[in-house]
């Protein structure tokens, strides 16, 4: 690969990594708001029902969001490490 193609590919990878990290962070903030922070308005459901939904948000939204955040930060960490050398 020539140098110009390599720069374009690395810029595209860094852009996709940034997008993934932002979406992952947004998902984690949603999970923290919905699942971890205590709700003040009582919805009339049982405690087990609310805990089940909290677990659902943690597993099916929180874990993929965390993976997206870490996966999005990985290209930036590699780029930063290579830049320092």
PDB file of N, CA and C in Angstrom:
ATOM      1  N   UNK A   1       0.837  -1.186   0.000  1.00  0.00           N
ATOM      2  CA  UNK A   1       0.000   0.000   0.000  1.00  0.00           C
ATOM      3  C   UNK A   1       0.877   1.243   0.000  1.00  0.00           C
ATOM      4  N   UNK A   2       0.463   2.201  -0.766  1.00  0.00           N
ATOM      5  CA  UNK A   2       1.216   3.450  -0.748  1.00  0.00           C
ATOM      6  C   UNK A   2       0.805   4.277   0.474  1.00  0.00           C
ATOM      7  N   UNK A   3       1.555   5.334   0.713  1.00  0.00           N
ATOM      8  CA  UNK A   3       1.367   6.128   1.927  1.00  0.00           C
ATOM      9  C   UNK A   3       0.015   6.843   1.949  1.00  0.00           C
ATOM     10  N   UNK A   4      -0.448   7.297   0.788  1.00  0.00           N
ATOM     11  CA  UNK A   4      -1.717   8.026   0.744  1.00  0.00           C
ATOM     12  C   UNK A   4      -2.887   7.109   1.113  1.00  0.00           C
ATOM     13  N   UNK A   5      -2.891   5.909   0.599  1.00  0.00           N
ATOM     14  CA  UNK A   5      -3.945   4.950   0.928  1.00  0.00           C
ATOM     15  C   UNK A   5      -3.903   4.595   2.408  1.00  0.00           C
ATOM     16  N   UNK A   6      -2.725   4.436   2.936  1.00  0.00           N
ATOM     17  CA  UNK A   6      -2.588   4.117   4.365  1.00  0.00           C
ATOM     18  C   UNK A   6      -3.135   5.231   5.240  1.00  0.00           C
ATOM     19  N   UNK A   7      -2.883   6.485   4.882  1.00  0.00           N
ATOM     20  CA  UNK A   7      -3.407   7.606   5.663  1.00  0.00           C
ATOM     21  C   UNK A   7      -4.926   7.676   5.586  1.00  0.00           C
ATOM     22  N   UNK A   8      -5.479   7.422   4.402  1.00  0.00           N
ATOM     23  CA  UNK A   8      -6.934   7.448   4.246  1.00  0.00           C
ATOM     24  C   UNK A   8      -7.577   6.342   5.070  1.00  0.00           C
ATOM     25  N   UNK A   9      -6.988   5.159   5.031  1.00  0.00           N
ATOM     26  CA  UNK A   9      -7.533   4.033   5.793  1.00  0.00           C
ATOM     27  C   UNK A   9      -7.444   4.276   7.300  1.00  0.00           C
ATOM     28  N   UNK A  10      -6.345   4.843   7.766  1.00  0.00           N
ATOM     29  CA  UNK A  10      -6.227   5.102   9.197  1.00  0.00           C
ATOM     30  C   UNK A  10      -7.186   6.200   9.633  1.00  0.00           C
ATOM     31  N   UNK A  11      -7.396   7.216   8.799  1.00  0.00           N
ATOM     32  CA  UNK A  11      -8.357   8.268   9.131  1.00  0.00           C
ATOM     33  C   UNK A  11      -9.772   7.709   9.191  1.00  0.00           C
ATOM     34  N   UNK A  12     -10.115   6.822   8.259  1.00  0.00           N
ATOM     35  CA  UNK A  12     -11.444   6.212   8.266  1.00  0.00           C
ATOM     36  C   UNK A  12     -11.632   5.337   9.507  1.00  0.00           C
ATOM     37  N   UNK A  13     -10.603   4.590   9.869  1.00  0.00           N
ATOM     38  CA  UNK A  13     -10.691   3.742  11.051  1.00  0.00           C
ATOM     39  C   UNK A  13     -10.829   4.579  12.318  1.00  0.00           C
ATOM     40  N   UNK A  14     -10.093   5.667  12.407  1.00  0.00           N
ATOM     41  CA  UNK A  14     -10.212   6.534  13.573  1.00  0.00           C
ATOM     42  C   UNK A  14     -11.588   7.186  13.636  1.00  0.00           C
ATOM     43  N   UNK A  15     -12.143   7.566  12.486  1.00  0.00           N
ATOM     44  CA  UNK A  15     -13.480   8.151  12.468  1.00  0.00           C
ATOM     45  C   UNK A  15     -14.525   7.140  12.927  1.00  0.00           C
ATOM     46  N   UNK A  16     -14.456   5.911  12.415  1.00  0.00           N
ATOM     47  CA  UNK A  16     -15.397   4.877  12.837  1.00  0.00           C
ATOM     48  C   UNK A  16     -15.229   4.533  14.316  1.00  0.00           C
ATOM     49  N   UNK A  17     -13.994   4.551  14.789  1.00  0.00           N
ATOM     50  CA  UNK A  17     -13.749   4.313  16.210  1.00  0.00           C
ATOM     51  C   UNK A  17     -14.347   5.402  17.073  1.00  0.00           C
ATOM     52  N   UNK A  18     -14.236   6.647  16.623  1.00  0.00           N
ATOM     53  CA  UNK A  18     -14.822   7.757  17.379  1.00  0.00           C
ATOM     54  C   UNK A  18     -16.343   7.649  17.405  1.00  0.00           C
ATOM     55  N   UNK A  19     -16.939   7.295  16.271  1.00  0.00           N
ATOM     56  CA  UNK A  19     -18.399   7.126  16.223  1.00  0.00           C
ATOM     57  C   UNK A  19     -18.847   6.008  17.154  1.00  0.00           C
ATOM     58  N   UNK A  20     -18.124   4.901  17.142  1.00  0.00           N
ATOM     59  CA  UNK A  20     -18.454   3.777  18.007  1.00  0.00           C
ATOM     60  C   UNK A  20     -18.308   4.147  19.481  1.00  0.00           C
ATOM     61  N   UNK A  21     -17.264   4.880  19.819  1.00  0.00           N
ATOM     62  CA  UNK A  21     -17.056   5.279  21.212  1.00  0.00           C
ATOM     63  C   UNK A  21     -18.158   6.221  21.684  1.00  0.00           C
ATOM     64  N   UNK A  22     -18.563   7.146  20.825  1.00  0.00           N
ATOM     65  CA  UNK A  22     -19.632   8.082  21.209  1.00  0.00           C
ATOM     66  C   UNK A  22     -20.949   7.336  21.403  1.00  0.00           C
ATOM     67  N   UNK A  23     -21.282   6.420  20.494  1.00  0.00           N
ATOM     68  CA  UNK A  23     -22.511   5.640  20.650  1.00  0.00           C
ATOM     69  C   UNK A  23     -22.462   4.746  21.889  1.00  0.00           C
ATOM     70  N   UNK A  24     -21.305   4.171  22.163  1.00  0.00           N
ATOM     71  CA  UNK A  24     -21.159   3.347  23.361  1.00  0.00           C
ATOM     72  C   UNK A  24     -21.310   4.153  24.634  1.00  0.00           C
ATOM     73  N   UNK A  25     -20.735   5.342  24.647  1.00  0.00           N
ATOM     74  CA  UNK A  25     -20.882   6.205  25.817  1.00  0.00           C
ATOM     75  C   UNK A  25     -22.326   6.629  26.000  1.00  0.00           C
ATOM     76  N   UNK A  26     -23.000   6.959  24.898  1.00  0.00           N
ATOM     77  CA  UNK A  26     -24.405   7.338  24.967  1.00  0.00           C
ATOM     78  C   UNK A  26     -25.245   6.177  25.515  1.00  0.00           C
ATOM     79  N   UNK A  27     -24.972   4.956  25.072  1.00  0.00           N
ATOM     80  CA  UNK A  27     -25.685   3.791  25.575  1.00  0.00           C
ATOM     81  C   UNK A  27     -25.444   3.564  27.053  1.00  0.00           C
ATOM     82  N   UNK A  28     -24.218   3.755  27.493  1.00  0.00           N
ATOM     83  CA  UNK A  28     -23.927   3.588  28.922  1.00  0.00           C
ATOM     84  C   UNK A  28     -24.632   4.631  29.764  1.00  0.00           C
ATOM     85  N   UNK A  29     -24.703   5.863  29.272  1.00  0.00           N
ATOM     86  CA  UNK A  29     -25.422   6.906  30.007  1.00  0.00           C
ATOM     87  C   UNK A  29     -26.906   6.555  30.097  1.00  0.00           C
ATOM     88  N   UNK A  30     -27.473   6.026  29.006  1.00  0.00           N
ATOM     89  CA  UNK A  30     -28.873   5.596  29.035  1.00  0.00           C
ATOM     90  C   UNK A  30     -29.092   4.500  30.063  1.00  0.00           C
ATOM     91  N   UNK A  31     -28.194   3.536  30.101  1.00  0.00           N
ATOM     92  CA  UNK A  31     -28.341   2.432  31.050  1.00  0.00           C
ATOM     93  C   UNK A  31     -28.218   2.936  32.477  1.00  0.00           C
ATOM     94  N   UNK A  32     -27.302   3.837  32.716  1.00  0.00           N
ATOM     95  CA  UNK A  32     -27.153   4.377  34.067  1.00  0.00           C
ATOM     96  C   UNK A  32     -28.414   5.120  34.482  1.00  0.00           C
ATOM     97  N   UNK A  33     -28.983   5.892  33.556  1.00  0.00           N
ATOM     98  CA  UNK A  33     -30.208   6.612  33.883  1.00  0.00           C
ATOM     99  C   UNK A  33     -31.386   5.673  34.106  1.00  0.00           C
ATOM    100  N   UNK A  34     -31.519   4.636  33.279  1.00  0.00           N
ATOM    101  CA  UNK A  34     -32.690   3.765  33.352  1.00  0.00           C
ATOM    102  C   UNK A  34     -32.540   2.628  34.365  1.00  0.00           C
ATOM    103  N   UNK A  35     -31.353   2.104  34.499  1.00  0.00           N
ATOM    104  CA  UNK A  35     -31.218   0.877  35.284  1.00  0.00           C
ATOM    105  C   UNK A  35     -30.574   1.085  36.645  1.00  0.00           C
ATOM    106  N   UNK A  36     -29.623   1.975  36.729  1.00  0.00           N
ATOM    107  CA  UNK A  36     -28.879   2.067  37.980  1.00  0.00           C
ATOM    108  C   UNK A  36     -29.378   3.157  38.925  1.00  0.00           C
ATOM    109  N   UNK A  37     -29.823   4.266  38.366  1.00  0.00           N
ATOM    110  CA  UNK A  37     -30.310   5.330  39.228  1.00  0.00           C
ATOM    111  C   UNK A  37     -31.696   4.980  39.754  1.00  0.00           C
ATOM    112  N   UNK A  38     -31.939   5.204  41.036  1.00  0.00           N
ATOM    113  CA  UNK A  38     -33.252   4.871  41.577  1.00  0.00           C
ATOM    114  C   UNK A  38     -34.329   5.792  41.002  1.00  0.00           C
ATOM    115  N   UNK A  39     -35.455   5.205  40.686  1.00  0.00           N
ATOM    116  CA  UNK A  39     -36.572   5.969  40.151  1.00  0.00           C
ATOM    117  C   UNK A  39     -37.406   6.525  41.293  1.00  0.00           C
ATOM    118  N   UNK A  40     -37.819   7.767  41.155  1.00  0.00           N
ATOM    119  CA  UNK A  40     -38.594   8.396  42.227  1.00  0.00           C
ATOM    120  C   UNK A  40     -40.090   8.220  42.033  1.00  0.00           C
ATOM    121  N   UNK A  41     -40.552   8.110  40.797  1.00  0.00           N
ATOM    122  CA  UNK A  41     -41.987   7.941  40.587  1.00  0.00           C
ATOM    123  C   UNK A  41     -42.343   6.456  40.555  1.00  0.00           C
ATOM    124  N   UNK A  42     -43.253   6.092  41.408  1.00  0.00           N
ATOM    125  CA  UNK A  42     -43.673   4.691  41.498  1.00  0.00           C
ATOM    126  C   UNK A  42     -44.609   4.376  40.338  1.00  0.00           C
ATOM    127  N   UNK A  43     -44.289   3.328  39.595  1.00  0.00           N
ATOM    128  CA  UNK A  43     -45.086   2.979  38.426  1.00  0.00           C
ATOM    129  C   UNK A  43     -46.209   2.015  38.769  1.00  0.00           C
ATOM    130  N   UNK A  44     -46.279   1.552  39.983  1.00  0.00           N
ATOM    131  CA  UNK A  44     -47.329   0.624  40.358  1.00  0.00           C
ATOM    132  C   UNK A  44     -46.974  -0.830  40.121  1.00  0.00           C
ATOM    133  N   UNK A  45     -45.740  -1.087  39.709  1.00  0.00           N
ATOM    134  CA  UNK A  45     -45.310  -2.464  39.473  1.00  0.00           C
ATOM    135  C   UNK A  45     -44.613  -3.001  40.716  1.00  0.00           C
ATOM    136  N   UNK A  46     -44.487  -4.304  40.754  1.00  0.00           N
ATOM    137  CA  UNK A  46     -43.794  -4.913  41.887  1.00  0.00           C
ATOM    138  C   UNK A  46     -42.291  -4.655  41.793  1.00  0.00           C
ATOM    139  N   UNK A  47     -41.629  -4.849  42.886  1.00  0.00           N
ATOM    140  CA  UNK A  47     -40.183  -4.621  42.936  1.00  0.00           C
ATOM    141  C   UNK A  47     -39.438  -5.603  42.028  1.00  0.00           C
ATOM    142  N   UNK A  48     -39.910  -6.848  41.967  1.00  0.00           N
ATOM    143  CA  UNK A  48     -39.263  -7.846  41.114  1.00  0.00           C
ATOM    144  C   UNK A  48     -39.390  -7.469  39.639  1.00  0.00           C
ATOM    145  N   UNK A  49     -40.511  -6.901  39.250  1.00  0.00           N
ATOM    146  CA  UNK A  49     -40.714  -6.471  37.865  1.00  0.00           C
ATOM    147  C   UNK A  49     -39.704  -5.383  37.490  1.00  0.00           C
ATOM    148  N   UNK A  50     -39.541  -4.402  38.358  1.00  0.00           N
ATOM    149  CA  UNK A  50     -38.600  -3.315  38.089  1.00  0.00           C
ATOM    150  C   UNK A  50     -37.159  -3.816  38.089  1.00  0.00           C
ATOM    151  N   UNK A  51     -36.826  -4.734  38.990  1.00  0.00           N
ATOM    152  CA  UNK A  51     -35.475  -5.290  39.003  1.00  0.00           C
ATOM    153  C   UNK A  51     -35.207  -6.125  37.762  1.00  0.00           C
ATOM    154  N   UNK A  52     -36.222  -6.794  37.250  1.00  0.00           N
ATOM    155  CA  UNK A  52     -36.066  -7.559  36.007  1.00  0.00           C
ATOM    156  C   UNK A  52     -35.752  -6.646  34.830  1.00  0.00           C
ATOM    157  N   UNK A  53     -36.431  -5.519  34.752  1.00  0.00           N
ATOM    158  CA  UNK A  53     -36.147  -4.577  33.673  1.00  0.00           C
ATOM    159  C   UNK A  53     -34.778  -3.945  33.827  1.00  0.00           C
ATOM    160  N   UNK A  54     -34.365  -3.682  35.049  1.00  0.00           N
ATOM    161  CA  UNK A  54     -33.004  -3.163  35.271  1.00  0.00           C
ATOM    162  C   UNK A  54     -31.962  -4.164  34.786  1.00  0.00           C
ATOM    163  N   UNK A  55     -32.176  -5.424  35.087  1.00  0.00           N
ATOM    164  CA  UNK A  55     -31.256  -6.466  34.631  1.00  0.00           C
ATOM    165  C   UNK A  55     -31.253  -6.546  33.102  1.00  0.00           C
ATOM    166  N   UNK A  56     -32.422  -6.430  32.493  1.00  0.00           N
ATOM    167  CA  UNK A  56     -32.520  -6.439  31.038  1.00  0.00           C
ATOM    168  C   UNK A  56     -31.700  -5.307  30.434  1.00  0.00           C
ATOM    169  N   UNK A  57     -31.859  -4.094  30.963  1.00  0.00           N
ATOM    170  CA  UNK A  57     -31.104  -2.961  30.441  1.00  0.00           C
ATOM    171  C   UNK A  57     -29.605  -3.151  30.631  1.00  0.00           C
ATOM    172  N   UNK A  58     -29.225  -3.689  31.778  1.00  0.00           N
ATOM    173  CA  UNK A  58     -27.805  -3.895  32.032  1.00  0.00           C
ATOM    174  C   UNK A  58     -27.207  -4.918  31.057  1.00  0.00           C
ATOM    175  N   UNK A  59     -27.907  -6.016  30.816  1.00  0.00           N
ATOM    176  CA  UNK A  59     -27.353  -7.086  29.983  1.00  0.00           C
ATOM    177  C   UNK A  59     -27.437  -6.788  28.492  1.00  0.00           C
ATOM    178  N   UNK A  60     -28.590  -6.343  28.032  1.00  0.00           N
ATOM    179  CA  UNK A  60     -28.811  -6.243  26.588  1.00  0.00           C
ATOM    180  C   UNK A  60     -28.521  -4.871  26.000  1.00  0.00           C
ATOM    181  N   UNK A  61     -28.358  -3.876  26.825  1.00  0.00           N
ATOM    182  CA  UNK A  61     -27.970  -2.552  26.325  1.00  0.00           C
ATOM    183  C   UNK A  61     -26.627  -2.139  26.921  1.00  0.00           C
ATOM    184  N   UNK A  62     -26.424  -2.399  28.182  1.00  0.00           N
ATOM    185  CA  UNK A  62     -25.207  -1.964  28.866  1.00  0.00           C
ATOM    186  C   UNK A  62     -23.944  -2.665  28.400  1.00  0.00           C
ATOM    187  N   UNK A  63     -23.986  -3.977  28.300  1.00  0.00           N
ATOM    188  CA  UNK A  63     -22.784  -4.705  27.896  1.00  0.00           C
ATOM    189  C   UNK A  63     -22.379  -4.431  26.447  1.00  0.00           C
ATOM    190  N   UNK A  64     -23.319  -4.424  25.479  1.00  0.00           N
ATOM    191  CA  UNK A  64     -22.908  -4.045  24.120  1.00  0.00           C
ATOM    192  C   UNK A  64     -22.424  -2.599  24.028  1.00  0.00           C
ATOM    193  N   UNK A  65     -23.004  -1.718  24.834  1.00  0.00           N
ATOM    194  CA  UNK A  65     -22.541  -0.333  24.837  1.00  0.00           C
ATOM    195  C   UNK A  65     -21.122  -0.233  25.383  1.00  0.00           C
ATOM    196  N   UNK A  66     -20.832  -1.001  26.414  1.00  0.00           N
ATOM    197  CA  UNK A  66     -19.475  -1.017  26.959  1.00  0.00           C
ATOM    198  C   UNK A  66     -18.494  -1.579  25.941  1.00  0.00           C
ATOM    199  N   UNK A  67     -18.900  -2.632  25.232  1.00  0.00           N
ATOM    200  CA  UNK A  67     -18.037  -3.197  24.194  1.00  0.00           C
ATOM    201  C   UNK A  67     -17.806  -2.198  23.064  1.00  0.00           C
ATOM    202  N   UNK A  68     -18.850  -1.456  22.689  1.00  0.00           N
ATOM    203  CA  UNK A  68     -18.706  -0.443  21.636  1.00  0.00           C
ATOM    204  C   UNK A  68     -17.784   0.683  22.085  1.00  0.00           C
ATOM    205  N   UNK A  69     -17.888   1.084  23.340  1.00  0.00           N
ATOM    206  CA  UNK A  69     -17.010   2.138  23.858  1.00  0.00           C
ATOM    207  C   UNK A  69     -15.558   1.691  23.850  1.00  0.00           C
ATOM    208  N   UNK A  70     -15.302   0.505  24.368  1.00  0.00           N
ATOM    209  CA  UNK A  70     -13.922   0.012  24.411  1.00  0.00           C
ATOM    210  C   UNK A  70     -13.382  -0.271  23.016  1.00  0.00           C
ATOM    211  N   UNK A  71     -14.234  -0.839  22.152  1.00  0.00           N
ATOM    212  CA  UNK A  71     -13.812  -1.095  20.778  1.00  0.00           C
ATOM    213  C   UNK A  71     -13.568   0.186  20.000  1.00  0.00           C
ATOM    214  N   UNK A  72     -14.310   1.229  20.310  1.00  0.00           N
ATOM    215  CA  UNK A  72     -14.110   2.508  19.654  1.00  0.00           C
ATOM    216  C   UNK A  72     -12.876   3.243  20.143  1.00  0.00           C
ATOM    217  N   UNK A  73     -12.504   3.004  21.383  1.00  0.00           N
ATOM    218  CA  UNK A  73     -11.302   3.650  21.924  1.00  0.00           C
ATOM    219  C   UNK A  73     -10.018   2.931  21.529  1.00  0.00           C
ATOM    220  N   UNK A  74     -10.110   1.654  21.179  1.00  0.00           N
ATOM    221  CA  UNK A  74      -8.917   0.872  20.855  1.00  0.00           C
ATOM    222  C   UNK A  74      -8.110   1.447  19.692  1.00  0.00           C
ATOM    223  N   UNK A  75      -8.730   1.832  18.553  1.00  0.00           N
ATOM    224  CA  UNK A  75      -7.909   2.401  17.475  1.00  0.00           C
ATOM    225  C   UNK A  75      -7.223   3.706  17.885  1.00  0.00           C
ATOM    226  N   UNK A  76      -7.894   4.481  18.721  1.00  0.00           N
ATOM    227  CA  UNK A  76      -7.291   5.740  19.170  1.00  0.00           C
ATOM    228  C   UNK A  76      -6.099   5.483  20.087  1.00  0.00           C
ATOM    229  N   UNK A  77      -6.195   4.472  20.942  1.00  0.00           N
ATOM    230  CA  UNK A  77      -5.071   4.143  21.820  1.00  0.00           C
ATOM    231  C   UNK A  77      -3.889   3.614  21.018  1.00  0.00           C
ATOM    232  N   UNK A  78      -4.171   2.786  20.019  1.00  0.00           N
ATOM    233  CA  UNK A  78      -3.098   2.270  19.162  1.00  0.00           C
ATOM    234  C   UNK A  78      -2.452   3.402  18.378  1.00  0.00           C
ATOM    235  N   UNK A  79      -3.275   4.293  17.834  1.00  0.00           N
ATOM    236  CA  UNK A  79      -2.753   5.439  17.080  1.00  0.00           C
ATOM    237  C   UNK A  79      -1.899   6.329  17.979  1.00  0.00           C
ATOM    238  N   UNK A  80      -2.353   6.572  19.207  1.00  0.00           N
ATOM    239  CA  UNK A  80      -1.615   7.430  20.130  1.00  0.00           C
ATOM    240  C   UNK A  80      -0.284   6.787  20.521  1.00  0.00           C
ATOM    241  N   UNK A  81      -0.300   5.473  20.738  1.00  0.00           N
ATOM    242  CA  UNK A  81       0.935   4.768  21.093  1.00  0.00           C
ATOM    243  C   UNK A  81       1.928   4.798  19.945  1.00  0.00           C
ATOM    244  N   UNK A  82       1.452   4.590  18.717  1.00  0.00           N
ATOM    245  CA  UNK A  82       2.351   4.614  17.546  1.00  0.00           C
ATOM    246  C   UNK A  82       2.852   6.020  17.266  1.00  0.00           C
ATOM    247  N   UNK A  83       2.061   7.010  17.571  1.00  0.00           N
ATOM    248  CA  UNK A  83       2.460   8.396  17.341  1.00  0.00           C
ATOM    249  C   UNK A  83       3.593   8.815  18.283  1.00  0.00           C
ATOM    250  N   UNK A  84       3.579   8.269  19.486  1.00  0.00           N
ATOM    251  CA  UNK A  84       4.608   8.617  20.476  1.00  0.00           C
ATOM    252  C   UNK A  84       5.956   7.993  20.136  1.00  0.00           C
ATOM    253  N   UNK A  85       5.959   6.925  19.345  1.00  0.00           N
ATOM    254  CA  UNK A  85       7.228   6.234  19.035  1.00  0.00           C
ATOM    255  C   UNK A  85       8.045   6.979  18.044  1.00  0.00           C
TER     256      UNK A  85
END
